[in-house]
Amino acid sequence: MRIFSFEKLIAWQKSRELALMTFKCTKKYPKDELFGLTSQMRRCSISIASNLAEGSGRSSYKDKARFTEIAYSSSLELLNQVILSVDFEYIDENEYITIREKITEVNMLIDGLHKSQKSNFKV
């Protein structure tokens, strides 16, 4: 079986873990949030990994960097939704801290990847 380049990215591997955490967390959200916050958080978490994967297939470093930026933005959007989930009392403080730490880890990896990509082209 062929392994694609994005599968080797630690940022992608960790973002996949974040998506799994997000799906598990949102399973217990109120049913009336199914098409609201639950759906939005799930789509955000998938977007992070998906944009890293899609960007890895681009031929120019500029294109790769753009998809990495989008992944980073999606992670910040997810963080906002996790904060709101605490405000709405859908998750407790411990779950919030766990997910926030994973988002921070993913963001640091994405930031490093982005810097690497940007160093390969002139802005």
N, C-alpha and C. Protein backbone atom coordinates (compact mmCIF):
# COMPACT_ATOMS: atom_id res chain seq x y z
N MET A 1 0.85 -1.18 0.00
CA MET A 1 0.00 0.00 0.00
C MET A 1 0.89 1.24 0.00
N ARG A 2 0.56 2.19 -0.85
CA ARG A 2 1.32 3.43 -0.94
C ARG A 2 0.98 4.36 0.23
N ILE A 3 2.00 4.97 0.77
CA ILE A 3 1.83 5.97 1.82
C ILE A 3 2.03 7.34 1.15
N PHE A 4 1.05 8.21 1.27
CA PHE A 4 1.14 9.54 0.69
C PHE A 4 1.89 10.48 1.63
N SER A 5 2.43 11.54 1.08
CA SER A 5 3.28 12.44 1.86
C SER A 5 2.56 13.04 3.07
N PHE A 6 1.28 13.36 2.92
CA PHE A 6 0.57 13.98 4.04
C PHE A 6 0.45 13.03 5.23
N GLU A 7 0.42 11.73 4.96
CA GLU A 7 0.29 10.75 6.04
C GLU A 7 1.53 10.72 6.93
N LYS A 8 2.63 11.23 6.42
CA LYS A 8 3.88 11.28 7.18
C LYS A 8 3.98 12.55 8.02
N LEU A 9 3.13 13.53 7.73
CA LEU A 9 3.17 14.80 8.47
C LEU A 9 2.64 14.60 9.89
N ILE A 10 3.45 14.95 10.86
CA ILE A 10 3.00 14.85 12.26
C ILE A 10 1.81 15.78 12.49
N ALA A 11 1.82 16.93 11.83
CA ALA A 11 0.70 17.87 11.97
C ALA A 11 -0.60 17.21 11.51
N TRP A 12 -0.55 16.46 10.43
CA TRP A 12 -1.75 15.77 9.93
C TRP A 12 -2.16 14.67 10.91
N GLN A 13 -1.18 13.90 11.40
CA GLN A 13 -1.48 12.81 12.33
C GLN A 13 -2.16 13.34 13.60
N LYS A 14 -1.64 14.44 14.12
CA LYS A 14 -2.20 15.03 15.34
C LYS A 14 -3.56 15.68 15.06
N SER A 15 -3.74 16.25 13.87
CA SER A 15 -5.03 16.85 13.55
C SER A 15 -6.10 15.76 13.39
N ARG A 16 -5.68 14.61 12.95
CA ARG A 16 -6.58 13.46 12.87
C ARG A 16 -7.03 13.05 14.28
N GLU A 17 -6.10 13.05 15.22
CA GLU A 17 -6.44 12.77 16.62
C GLU A 17 -7.42 13.82 17.16
N LEU A 18 -7.18 15.07 16.78
CA LEU A 18 -8.07 16.16 17.21
C LEU A 18 -9.48 15.96 16.66
N ALA A 19 -9.58 15.55 15.41
CA ALA A 19 -10.90 15.29 14.82
C ALA A 19 -11.62 14.19 15.58
N LEU A 20 -10.90 13.14 15.93
CA LEU A 20 -11.50 12.05 16.69
C LEU A 20 -11.98 12.54 18.06
N MET A 21 -11.15 13.34 18.72
CA MET A 21 -11.54 13.91 20.02
C MET A 21 -12.80 14.76 19.88
N THR A 22 -12.85 15.55 18.82
CA THR A 22 -13.98 16.44 18.59
C THR A 22 -15.26 15.65 18.37
N PHE A 23 -15.19 14.60 17.56
CA PHE A 23 -16.37 13.79 17.30
C PHE A 23 -16.86 13.12 18.58
N LYS A 24 -15.94 12.59 19.37
CA LYS A 24 -16.33 11.95 20.63
C LYS A 24 -16.95 12.96 21.60
N CYS A 25 -16.36 14.13 21.67
CA CYS A 25 -16.84 15.18 22.57
C CYS A 25 -18.25 15.63 22.18
N THR A 26 -18.48 15.84 20.90
CA THR A 26 -19.76 16.40 20.45
C THR A 26 -20.89 15.37 20.44
N LYS A 27 -20.58 14.10 20.63
CA LYS A 27 -21.63 13.08 20.69
C LYS A 27 -22.61 13.35 21.82
N LYS A 28 -22.13 13.99 22.87
CA LYS A 28 -23.00 14.21 24.03
C LYS A 28 -23.66 15.60 24.04
N TYR A 29 -23.46 16.36 22.98
CA TYR A 29 -24.10 17.68 22.89
C TYR A 29 -25.61 17.49 22.72
N PRO A 30 -26.38 18.50 23.10
CA PRO A 30 -27.84 18.40 22.95
C PRO A 30 -28.23 18.13 21.49
N LYS A 31 -29.29 17.38 21.32
CA LYS A 31 -29.75 17.03 19.96
C LYS A 31 -30.12 18.28 19.15
N ASP A 32 -30.56 19.33 19.82
CA ASP A 32 -30.92 20.54 19.07
C ASP A 32 -29.68 21.28 18.54
N GLU A 33 -28.49 20.84 18.93
CA GLU A 33 -27.24 21.40 18.40
C GLU A 33 -26.68 20.58 17.24
N LEU A 34 -27.38 19.50 16.87
CA LEU A 34 -26.87 18.60 15.85
C LEU A 34 -26.53 19.34 14.55
N PHE A 35 -27.37 20.26 14.14
CA PHE A 35 -27.13 21.00 12.90
C PHE A 35 -26.55 22.38 13.15
N GLY A 36 -26.17 22.62 14.40
CA GLY A 36 -25.55 23.89 14.77
C GLY A 36 -24.10 23.69 15.16
N LEU A 37 -23.83 23.85 16.43
CA LEU A 37 -22.47 23.79 16.94
C LEU A 37 -21.82 22.42 16.71
N THR A 38 -22.56 21.36 16.91
CA THR A 38 -22.01 20.01 16.71
C THR A 38 -21.50 19.85 15.28
N SER A 39 -22.32 20.18 14.32
CA SER A 39 -21.94 20.06 12.91
C SER A 39 -20.76 20.96 12.57
N GLN A 40 -20.81 22.17 13.06
CA GLN A 40 -19.75 23.13 12.76
C GLN A 40 -18.40 22.68 13.33
N MET A 41 -18.40 22.20 14.55
CA MET A 41 -17.16 21.74 15.18
C MET A 41 -16.59 20.52 14.45
N ARG A 42 -17.46 19.63 14.05
CA ARG A 42 -17.00 18.45 13.33
C ARG A 42 -16.41 18.83 11.98
N ARG A 43 -17.08 19.73 11.28
CA ARG A 43 -16.57 20.16 9.97
C ARG A 43 -15.23 20.89 10.12
N CYS A 44 -15.08 21.70 11.15
CA CYS A 44 -13.82 22.40 11.41
C CYS A 44 -12.69 21.42 11.65
N SER A 45 -12.95 20.44 12.49
CA SER A 45 -11.89 19.49 12.83
C SER A 45 -11.47 18.67 11.61
N ILE A 46 -12.42 18.33 10.78
CA ILE A 46 -12.10 17.61 9.54
C ILE A 46 -11.35 18.52 8.58
N SER A 47 -11.71 19.79 8.55
CA SER A 47 -11.08 20.76 7.66
C SER A 47 -9.59 20.91 7.92
N ILE A 48 -9.20 20.82 9.16
CA ILE A 48 -7.78 20.97 9.51
C ILE A 48 -6.98 19.88 8.81
N ALA A 49 -7.34 18.63 9.05
CA ALA A 49 -6.62 17.51 8.45
C ALA A 49 -6.76 17.51 6.93
N SER A 50 -7.94 17.84 6.44
CA SER A 50 -8.18 17.81 4.99
C SER A 50 -7.35 18.85 4.26
N ASN A 51 -7.22 20.04 4.82
CA ASN A 51 -6.43 21.07 4.16
C ASN A 51 -4.93 20.75 4.19
N LEU A 52 -4.48 20.11 5.25
CA LEU A 52 -3.08 19.66 5.28
C LEU A 52 -2.85 18.61 4.19
N ALA A 53 -3.80 17.70 4.05
CA ALA A 53 -3.69 16.66 3.02
C ALA A 53 -3.73 17.28 1.63
N GLU A 54 -4.70 18.15 1.39
CA GLU A 54 -4.83 18.76 0.06
C GLU A 54 -3.61 19.60 -0.29
N GLY A 55 -3.13 20.36 0.67
CA GLY A 55 -1.96 21.19 0.43
C GLY A 55 -0.72 20.39 0.08
N SER A 56 -0.61 19.21 0.65
CA SER A 56 0.57 18.38 0.37
C SER A 56 0.63 17.94 -1.09
N GLY A 57 -0.51 17.97 -1.75
CA GLY A 57 -0.56 17.56 -3.15
C GLY A 57 -0.30 18.68 -4.12
N ARG A 58 -0.13 19.88 -3.63
CA ARG A 58 0.12 21.03 -4.50
C ARG A 58 1.59 21.06 -4.90
N SER A 59 1.84 21.57 -6.08
CA SER A 59 3.21 21.52 -6.61
C SER A 59 4.08 22.68 -6.14
N SER A 60 3.50 23.83 -5.87
CA SER A 60 4.32 24.96 -5.45
C SER A 60 4.26 25.13 -3.93
N TYR A 61 5.36 25.63 -3.38
CA TYR A 61 5.39 25.87 -1.93
C TYR A 61 4.41 26.97 -1.54
N LYS A 62 4.16 27.89 -2.44
CA LYS A 62 3.20 28.96 -2.15
C LYS A 62 1.79 28.37 -1.98
N ASP A 63 1.42 27.45 -2.86
CA ASP A 63 0.12 26.78 -2.73
C ASP A 63 0.06 25.94 -1.47
N LYS A 64 1.13 25.21 -1.19
CA LYS A 64 1.18 24.38 0.02
C LYS A 64 0.98 25.26 1.26
N ALA A 65 1.67 26.40 1.28
CA ALA A 65 1.58 27.31 2.42
C ALA A 65 0.17 27.86 2.59
N ARG A 66 -0.52 28.12 1.49
CA ARG A 66 -1.88 28.66 1.56
C ARG A 66 -2.82 27.65 2.23
N PHE A 67 -2.71 26.39 1.86
CA PHE A 67 -3.57 25.37 2.48
C PHE A 67 -3.21 25.17 3.95
N THR A 68 -1.95 25.35 4.29
CA THR A 68 -1.53 25.26 5.68
C THR A 68 -2.14 26.41 6.48
N GLU A 69 -2.21 27.59 5.87
CA GLU A 69 -2.85 28.74 6.53
C GLU A 69 -4.33 28.46 6.78
N ILE A 70 -4.98 27.86 5.82
CA ILE A 70 -6.40 27.55 5.97
C ILE A 70 -6.60 26.54 7.11
N ALA A 71 -5.71 25.54 7.18
CA ALA A 71 -5.79 24.56 8.27
C ALA A 71 -5.64 25.25 9.63
N TYR A 72 -4.69 26.17 9.71
CA TYR A 72 -4.46 26.91 10.95
C TYR A 72 -5.70 27.73 11.32
N SER A 73 -6.29 28.39 10.34
CA SER A 73 -7.49 29.18 10.60
C SER A 73 -8.64 28.31 11.08
N SER A 74 -8.78 27.13 10.50
CA SER A 74 -9.83 26.21 10.94
C SER A 74 -9.61 25.77 12.39
N SER A 75 -8.35 25.62 12.78
CA SER A 75 -8.07 25.22 14.16
C SER A 75 -8.45 26.34 15.14
N LEU A 76 -8.24 27.58 14.72
CA LEU A 76 -8.65 28.71 15.58
C LEU A 76 -10.17 28.80 15.66
N GLU A 77 -10.83 28.52 14.56
CA GLU A 77 -12.29 28.49 14.57
C GLU A 77 -12.79 27.41 15.53
N LEU A 78 -12.15 26.25 15.49
CA LEU A 78 -12.51 25.17 16.40
C LEU A 78 -12.28 25.57 17.85
N LEU A 79 -11.16 26.24 18.12
CA LEU A 79 -10.89 26.70 19.48
C LEU A 79 -12.01 27.62 19.96
N ASN A 80 -12.44 28.54 19.14
CA ASN A 80 -13.54 29.43 19.50
C ASN A 80 -14.79 28.63 19.86
N GLN A 81 -15.08 27.61 19.08
CA GLN A 81 -16.27 26.80 19.32
C GLN A 81 -16.14 25.97 20.59
N VAL A 82 -14.93 25.54 20.91
CA VAL A 82 -14.71 24.82 22.16
C VAL A 82 -14.91 25.75 23.36
N ILE A 83 -14.43 26.98 23.23
CA ILE A 83 -14.64 27.98 24.30
C ILE A 83 -16.13 28.23 24.49
N LEU A 84 -16.85 28.37 23.38
CA LEU A 84 -18.31 28.56 23.48
C LEU A 84 -18.99 27.35 24.11
N SER A 85 -18.47 26.16 23.83
CA SER A 85 -19.04 24.94 24.41
C SER A 85 -18.94 24.95 25.93
N VAL A 86 -17.85 25.53 26.46
CA VAL A 86 -17.72 25.68 27.91
C VAL A 86 -18.76 26.70 28.40
N ASP A 87 -18.86 27.81 27.68
CA ASP A 87 -19.84 28.84 28.05
C ASP A 87 -21.26 28.29 28.11
N PHE A 88 -21.58 27.43 27.14
CA PHE A 88 -22.93 26.84 27.07
C PHE A 88 -23.10 25.63 27.98
N GLU A 89 -22.01 25.28 28.69
CA GLU A 89 -21.98 24.15 29.63
C GLU A 89 -22.22 22.81 28.95
N TYR A 90 -21.72 22.68 27.71
CA TYR A 90 -21.78 21.41 26.99
C TYR A 90 -20.59 20.52 27.35
N ILE A 91 -19.48 21.15 27.74
CA ILE A 91 -18.31 20.39 28.19
C ILE A 91 -17.81 20.98 29.49
N ASP A 92 -17.11 20.16 30.27
CA ASP A 92 -16.58 20.63 31.54
C ASP A 92 -15.16 21.17 31.35
N GLU A 93 -14.62 21.70 32.41
CA GLU A 93 -13.30 22.33 32.37
C GLU A 93 -12.19 21.34 31.97
N ASN A 94 -12.26 20.13 32.47
CA ASN A 94 -11.23 19.13 32.15
C ASN A 94 -11.23 18.78 30.66
N GLU A 95 -12.41 18.59 30.10
CA GLU A 95 -12.50 18.28 28.67
C GLU A 95 -12.03 19.47 27.83
N TYR A 96 -12.39 20.66 28.28
CA TYR A 96 -11.93 21.88 27.61
C TYR A 96 -10.41 21.94 27.57
N ILE A 97 -9.78 21.71 28.71
CA ILE A 97 -8.32 21.78 28.79
C ILE A 97 -7.68 20.73 27.88
N THR A 98 -8.21 19.53 27.89
CA THR A 98 -7.66 18.45 27.05
C THR A 98 -7.74 18.81 25.57
N ILE A 99 -8.89 19.29 25.13
CA ILE A 99 -9.05 19.64 23.71
C ILE A 99 -8.22 20.86 23.37
N ARG A 100 -8.20 21.84 24.26
CA ARG A 100 -7.41 23.05 24.00
C ARG A 100 -5.92 22.71 23.86
N GLU A 101 -5.43 21.83 24.71
CA GLU A 101 -4.02 21.42 24.62
C GLU A 101 -3.73 20.73 23.28
N LYS A 102 -4.67 19.92 22.80
CA LYS A 102 -4.49 19.25 21.51
C LYS A 102 -4.51 20.28 20.37
N ILE A 103 -5.39 21.25 20.46
CA ILE A 103 -5.44 22.31 19.44
C ILE A 103 -4.12 23.09 19.45
N THR A 104 -3.61 23.39 20.63
CA THR A 104 -2.34 24.11 20.74
C THR A 104 -1.20 23.30 20.12
N GLU A 105 -1.18 22.01 20.40
CA GLU A 105 -0.16 21.13 19.81
C GLU A 105 -0.25 21.14 18.28
N VAL A 106 -1.45 21.00 17.77
CA VAL A 106 -1.65 21.00 16.31
C VAL A 106 -1.23 22.34 15.72
N ASN A 107 -1.60 23.43 16.37
CA ASN A 107 -1.25 24.76 15.87
C ASN A 107 0.26 24.97 15.82
N MET A 108 0.96 24.49 16.82
CA MET A 108 2.42 24.63 16.83
C MET A 108 3.04 23.86 15.66
N LEU A 109 2.53 22.68 15.40
CA LEU A 109 3.03 21.88 14.29
C LEU A 109 2.69 22.51 12.94
N ILE A 110 1.48 23.02 12.82
CA ILE A 110 1.08 23.68 11.58
C ILE A 110 1.93 24.93 11.36
N ASP A 111 2.18 25.68 12.42
CA ASP A 111 3.00 26.89 12.31
C ASP A 111 4.41 26.55 11.83
N GLY A 112 4.99 25.50 12.37
CA GLY A 112 6.32 25.08 11.93
C GLY A 112 6.33 24.65 10.48
N LEU A 113 5.29 23.93 10.08
CA LEU A 113 5.17 23.49 8.69
C LEU A 113 5.05 24.70 7.77
N HIS A 114 4.23 25.66 8.18
CA HIS A 114 4.03 26.87 7.38
C HIS A 114 5.33 27.65 7.21
N LYS A 115 6.06 27.81 8.28
CA LYS A 115 7.34 28.52 8.21
C LYS A 115 8.30 27.82 7.26
N SER A 116 8.32 26.51 7.31
CA SER A 116 9.16 25.72 6.41
C SER A 116 8.77 25.94 4.95
N GLN A 117 7.48 25.92 4.72
CA GLN A 117 6.98 26.12 3.34
C GLN A 117 7.28 27.52 2.84
N LYS A 118 7.09 28.50 3.70
CA LYS A 118 7.34 29.90 3.30
C LYS A 118 8.80 30.15 3.03
N SER A 119 9.67 29.43 3.70
CA SER A 119 11.12 29.64 3.49
C SER A 119 11.55 29.16 2.11
N ASN A 120 10.70 28.38 1.45
CA ASN A 120 11.04 27.84 0.14
C ASN A 120 10.57 28.72 -1.02
N PHE A 121 9.89 29.83 -0.70
CA PHE A 121 9.51 30.77 -1.76
C PHE A 121 9.62 32.19 -1.22
N LYS A 122 9.80 33.12 -2.11
CA LYS A 122 9.91 34.53 -1.71
C LYS A 122 8.51 35.14 -1.71
N VAL A 123 8.19 35.82 -0.62
CA VAL A 123 6.88 36.45 -0.48
C VAL A 123 6.89 37.81 -1.13
